Amino acid sequence: MKSSNPVSFMGAKIASLTASKEGELFLMSFFTAKERKTLWHRFQIIELLLKGVSQRDIAEQLGISLSQVSRGSAELQFGTGAQFFKSFLSSEL
């Protein structure tokens, strides 16, 4: 299972999941409870930023540090995934 690009390899494997139950099993199997919570916070941060909620309000609502929210904000503004996040999460808004 050698791959010159691990991110591409993992992305392809995740994309091959065909049902939400498979996605749940993947998340439960590969990530600790703390990692899943962190990942969930990241989803929420991006979603709330896209809705126009201030960084301070997000930190307060989620009970996390402002620096965690700032990371999500920077990714939306300057990161390579900015357009992806907007389209990926926009259907949920």
N, C-alpha and C. Protein backbone atom coordinates (compact mmCIF):
# COMPACT_ATOMS: atom_id res chain seq x y z
N MET A 1 0.84 -1.18 0.00
CA MET A 1 0.00 0.00 0.00
C MET A 1 0.88 1.24 0.00
N LYS A 2 1.86 1.26 -0.84
CA LYS A 2 2.70 2.44 -0.98
C LYS A 2 1.99 3.46 -1.86
N SER A 3 2.11 4.70 -1.47
CA SER A 3 1.52 5.77 -2.27
C SER A 3 2.43 6.97 -2.21
N SER A 4 2.71 7.52 -3.36
CA SER A 4 3.57 8.70 -3.38
C SER A 4 2.82 9.93 -2.87
N ASN A 5 1.51 9.85 -2.87
CA ASN A 5 0.70 10.96 -2.38
C ASN A 5 -0.36 10.42 -1.42
N PRO A 6 -0.04 10.36 -0.13
CA PRO A 6 -0.98 9.78 0.84
C PRO A 6 -2.32 10.50 0.90
N VAL A 7 -2.31 11.82 0.71
CA VAL A 7 -3.58 12.56 0.77
C VAL A 7 -4.49 12.14 -0.37
N SER A 8 -3.93 11.99 -1.56
CA SER A 8 -4.74 11.53 -2.70
C SER A 8 -5.27 10.12 -2.46
N PHE A 9 -4.40 9.27 -1.94
CA PHE A 9 -4.81 7.89 -1.66
C PHE A 9 -5.96 7.86 -0.67
N MET A 10 -5.82 8.58 0.44
CA MET A 10 -6.87 8.59 1.46
C MET A 10 -8.13 9.25 0.94
N GLY A 11 -7.97 10.34 0.18
CA GLY A 11 -9.13 11.01 -0.39
C GLY A 11 -9.93 10.09 -1.30
N ALA A 12 -9.23 9.30 -2.10
CA ALA A 12 -9.91 8.35 -3.00
C ALA A 12 -10.64 7.28 -2.19
N LYS A 13 -10.03 6.81 -1.14
CA LYS A 13 -10.67 5.80 -0.30
C LYS A 13 -11.93 6.36 0.36
N ILE A 14 -11.83 7.58 0.89
CA ILE A 14 -13.00 8.20 1.53
C ILE A 14 -14.10 8.43 0.50
N ALA A 15 -13.72 8.90 -0.68
CA ALA A 15 -14.70 9.16 -1.73
C ALA A 15 -15.40 7.89 -2.20
N SER A 16 -14.76 6.75 -1.99
CA SER A 16 -15.37 5.49 -2.43
C SER A 16 -16.46 4.99 -1.49
N LEU A 17 -16.60 5.62 -0.33
CA LEU A 17 -17.67 5.23 0.59
C LEU A 17 -19.01 5.55 -0.06
N THR A 18 -19.94 4.61 0.02
CA THR A 18 -21.18 4.79 -0.73
C THR A 18 -22.41 5.05 0.14
N ALA A 19 -22.27 4.93 1.44
CA ALA A 19 -23.42 5.15 2.31
C ALA A 19 -22.98 5.89 3.56
N SER A 20 -23.90 6.65 4.15
CA SER A 20 -23.56 7.42 5.34
C SER A 20 -23.14 6.50 6.49
N LYS A 21 -23.70 5.29 6.55
CA LYS A 21 -23.29 4.34 7.60
C LYS A 21 -21.82 3.98 7.44
N GLU A 22 -21.35 3.85 6.21
CA GLU A 22 -19.93 3.58 5.97
C GLU A 22 -19.09 4.75 6.45
N GLY A 23 -19.56 5.97 6.21
CA GLY A 23 -18.86 7.15 6.67
C GLY A 23 -18.79 7.19 8.19
N GLU A 24 -19.89 6.86 8.84
CA GLU A 24 -19.90 6.82 10.30
C GLU A 24 -18.91 5.79 10.83
N LEU A 25 -18.92 4.60 10.21
CA LEU A 25 -18.00 3.54 10.63
C LEU A 25 -16.55 3.97 10.43
N PHE A 26 -16.28 4.63 9.32
CA PHE A 26 -14.94 5.14 9.05
C PHE A 26 -14.51 6.11 10.15
N LEU A 27 -15.36 7.09 10.46
CA LEU A 27 -15.02 8.08 11.48
C LEU A 27 -14.83 7.44 12.84
N MET A 28 -15.70 6.52 13.20
CA MET A 28 -15.61 5.86 14.50
C MET A 28 -14.37 4.98 14.59
N SER A 29 -13.97 4.38 13.48
CA SER A 29 -12.83 3.46 13.48
C SER A 29 -11.48 4.16 13.42
N PHE A 30 -11.41 5.27 12.71
CA PHE A 30 -10.12 5.91 12.46
C PHE A 30 -9.77 7.04 13.41
N PHE A 31 -10.78 7.62 14.06
CA PHE A 31 -10.53 8.79 14.89
C PHE A 31 -10.97 8.54 16.33
N THR A 32 -10.23 9.09 17.26
CA THR A 32 -10.62 9.04 18.67
C THR A 32 -11.79 9.99 18.88
N ALA A 33 -12.43 9.86 20.03
CA ALA A 33 -13.54 10.76 20.35
C ALA A 33 -13.08 12.22 20.32
N LYS A 34 -11.89 12.49 20.84
CA LYS A 34 -11.37 13.85 20.84
C LYS A 34 -11.11 14.35 19.42
N GLU A 35 -10.57 13.50 18.57
CA GLU A 35 -10.32 13.89 17.17
C GLU A 35 -11.63 14.15 16.43
N ARG A 36 -12.64 13.32 16.69
CA ARG A 36 -13.95 13.54 16.05
C ARG A 36 -14.57 14.86 16.51
N LYS A 37 -14.40 15.18 17.79
CA LYS A 37 -14.93 16.44 18.31
C LYS A 37 -14.23 17.63 17.65
N THR A 38 -12.91 17.54 17.51
CA THR A 38 -12.15 18.60 16.84
C THR A 38 -12.59 18.76 15.40
N LEU A 39 -12.77 17.65 14.70
CA LEU A 39 -13.22 17.68 13.31
C LEU A 39 -14.61 18.31 13.22
N TRP A 40 -15.49 17.94 14.14
CA TRP A 40 -16.84 18.51 14.16
C TRP A 40 -16.78 20.02 14.40
N HIS A 41 -15.91 20.45 15.31
CA HIS A 41 -15.77 21.89 15.55
C HIS A 41 -15.31 22.59 14.27
N ARG A 42 -14.40 21.98 13.53
CA ARG A 42 -13.94 22.60 12.29
C ARG A 42 -15.08 22.77 11.30
N PHE A 43 -15.92 21.75 11.17
CA PHE A 43 -17.09 21.86 10.29
C PHE A 43 -17.97 23.01 10.75
N GLN A 44 -18.24 23.07 12.05
CA GLN A 44 -19.11 24.11 12.58
C GLN A 44 -18.50 25.50 12.39
N ILE A 45 -17.21 25.64 12.59
CA ILE A 45 -16.53 26.92 12.42
C ILE A 45 -16.72 27.43 11.00
N ILE A 46 -16.42 26.57 10.03
CA ILE A 46 -16.54 26.98 8.62
C ILE A 46 -17.99 27.34 8.30
N GLU A 47 -18.92 26.51 8.74
CA GLU A 47 -20.33 26.77 8.47
C GLU A 47 -20.78 28.11 9.05
N LEU A 48 -20.40 28.38 10.30
CA LEU A 48 -20.80 29.63 10.94
C LEU A 48 -20.11 30.84 10.30
N LEU A 49 -18.85 30.68 9.92
CA LEU A 49 -18.16 31.77 9.23
C LEU A 49 -18.86 32.09 7.91
N LEU A 50 -19.27 31.05 7.18
CA LEU A 50 -19.96 31.26 5.91
C LEU A 50 -21.32 31.95 6.12
N LYS A 51 -21.91 31.78 7.29
CA LYS A 51 -23.17 32.44 7.61
C LYS A 51 -22.96 33.87 8.09
N GLY A 52 -21.68 34.28 8.27
CA GLY A 52 -21.38 35.64 8.68
C GLY A 52 -21.29 35.86 10.17
N VAL A 53 -21.24 34.78 10.96
CA VAL A 53 -21.12 34.90 12.41
C VAL A 53 -19.69 35.34 12.74
N SER A 54 -19.56 36.24 13.70
CA SER A 54 -18.22 36.75 14.05
C SER A 54 -17.38 35.66 14.71
N GLN A 55 -16.07 35.81 14.58
CA GLN A 55 -15.16 34.84 15.17
C GLN A 55 -15.35 34.73 16.68
N ARG A 56 -15.51 35.86 17.34
CA ARG A 56 -15.70 35.85 18.79
C ARG A 56 -16.99 35.12 19.19
N ASP A 57 -18.06 35.36 18.44
CA ASP A 57 -19.32 34.68 18.73
C ASP A 57 -19.20 33.17 18.52
N ILE A 58 -18.48 32.78 17.48
CA ILE A 58 -18.28 31.36 17.21
C ILE A 58 -17.51 30.70 18.36
N ALA A 59 -16.43 31.35 18.77
CA ALA A 59 -15.63 30.80 19.87
C ALA A 59 -16.49 30.63 21.12
N GLU A 60 -17.31 31.62 21.38
CA GLU A 60 -18.18 31.57 22.56
C GLU A 60 -19.23 30.47 22.42
N GLN A 61 -19.88 30.39 21.25
CA GLN A 61 -20.92 29.39 21.02
C GLN A 61 -20.39 27.97 21.15
N LEU A 62 -19.20 27.74 20.63
CA LEU A 62 -18.64 26.39 20.61
C LEU A 62 -17.78 26.08 21.84
N GLY A 63 -17.48 27.09 22.62
CA GLY A 63 -16.65 26.88 23.80
C GLY A 63 -15.21 26.52 23.46
N ILE A 64 -14.70 27.19 22.42
CA ILE A 64 -13.33 26.94 21.97
C ILE A 64 -12.56 28.26 21.93
N SER A 65 -11.26 28.17 21.71
CA SER A 65 -10.43 29.37 21.69
C SER A 65 -10.63 30.15 20.39
N LEU A 66 -10.39 31.43 20.48
CA LEU A 66 -10.47 32.30 19.31
C LEU A 66 -9.43 31.89 18.27
N SER A 67 -8.28 31.38 18.70
CA SER A 67 -7.25 30.97 17.74
C SER A 67 -7.72 29.79 16.89
N GLN A 68 -8.53 28.89 17.46
CA GLN A 68 -9.08 27.80 16.67
C GLN A 68 -10.00 28.32 15.57
N VAL A 69 -10.78 29.33 15.91
CA VAL A 69 -11.69 29.93 14.93
C VAL A 69 -10.89 30.68 13.88
N SER A 70 -9.85 31.37 14.30
CA SER A 70 -9.01 32.13 13.36
C SER A 70 -8.40 31.24 12.30
N ARG A 71 -8.03 30.02 12.68
CA ARG A 71 -7.46 29.07 11.72
C ARG A 71 -8.47 28.77 10.61
N GLY A 72 -9.72 28.54 11.00
CA GLY A 72 -10.76 28.28 10.01
C GLY A 72 -11.01 29.48 9.13
N SER A 73 -10.97 30.64 9.72
CA SER A 73 -11.17 31.87 8.96
C SER A 73 -10.06 32.07 7.94
N ALA A 74 -8.83 31.83 8.36
CA ALA A 74 -7.69 31.98 7.44
C ALA A 74 -7.79 31.00 6.29
N GLU A 75 -8.23 29.78 6.57
CA GLU A 75 -8.38 28.77 5.51
C GLU A 75 -9.43 29.21 4.50
N LEU A 76 -10.52 29.80 4.99
CA LEU A 76 -11.56 30.28 4.08
C LEU A 76 -11.08 31.44 3.22
N GLN A 77 -10.29 32.33 3.82
CA GLN A 77 -9.84 33.52 3.10
C GLN A 77 -8.67 33.25 2.18
N PHE A 78 -7.72 32.43 2.63
CA PHE A 78 -6.46 32.32 1.90
C PHE A 78 -6.07 30.90 1.51
N GLY A 79 -6.75 29.92 2.06
CA GLY A 79 -6.35 28.53 1.84
C GLY A 79 -6.75 28.00 0.49
N THR A 80 -6.11 26.92 0.13
CA THR A 80 -6.39 26.29 -1.15
C THR A 80 -7.78 25.67 -1.18
N GLY A 81 -8.33 25.38 -0.02
CA GLY A 81 -9.65 24.77 0.03
C GLY A 81 -10.80 25.74 0.18
N ALA A 82 -10.55 27.03 0.06
CA ALA A 82 -11.58 28.02 0.30
C ALA A 82 -12.83 27.79 -0.56
N GLN A 83 -12.65 27.66 -1.86
CA GLN A 83 -13.80 27.45 -2.75
C GLN A 83 -14.46 26.12 -2.47
N PHE A 84 -13.65 25.12 -2.17
CA PHE A 84 -14.20 23.80 -1.85
C PHE A 84 -15.13 23.89 -0.64
N PHE A 85 -14.66 24.52 0.43
CA PHE A 85 -15.48 24.61 1.64
C PHE A 85 -16.79 25.32 1.35
N LYS A 86 -16.72 26.38 0.59
CA LYS A 86 -17.93 27.15 0.29
C LYS A 86 -18.94 26.29 -0.46
N SER A 87 -18.50 25.53 -1.46
CA SER A 87 -19.44 24.70 -2.21
C SER A 87 -19.85 23.45 -1.44
N PHE A 88 -18.91 22.86 -0.71
CA PHE A 88 -19.19 21.63 0.05
C PHE A 88 -20.23 21.87 1.14
N LEU A 89 -20.10 22.97 1.84
CA LEU A 89 -21.01 23.24 2.96
C LEU A 89 -22.21 24.09 2.58
N SER A 90 -22.20 24.73 1.42
CA SER A 90 -23.27 25.64 1.06
C SER A 90 -24.62 24.93 0.95
N SER A 91 -24.62 23.67 0.57
CA SER A 91 -25.89 22.95 0.45
C SER A 91 -26.53 22.73 1.81
N GLU A 92 -25.75 22.84 2.87
CA GLU A 92 -26.27 22.65 4.21
C GLU A 92 -26.75 23.95 4.83
N LEU A 93 -26.38 25.08 4.28
CA LEU A 93 -26.70 26.38 4.89
C LEU A 93 -28.15 26.78 4.64
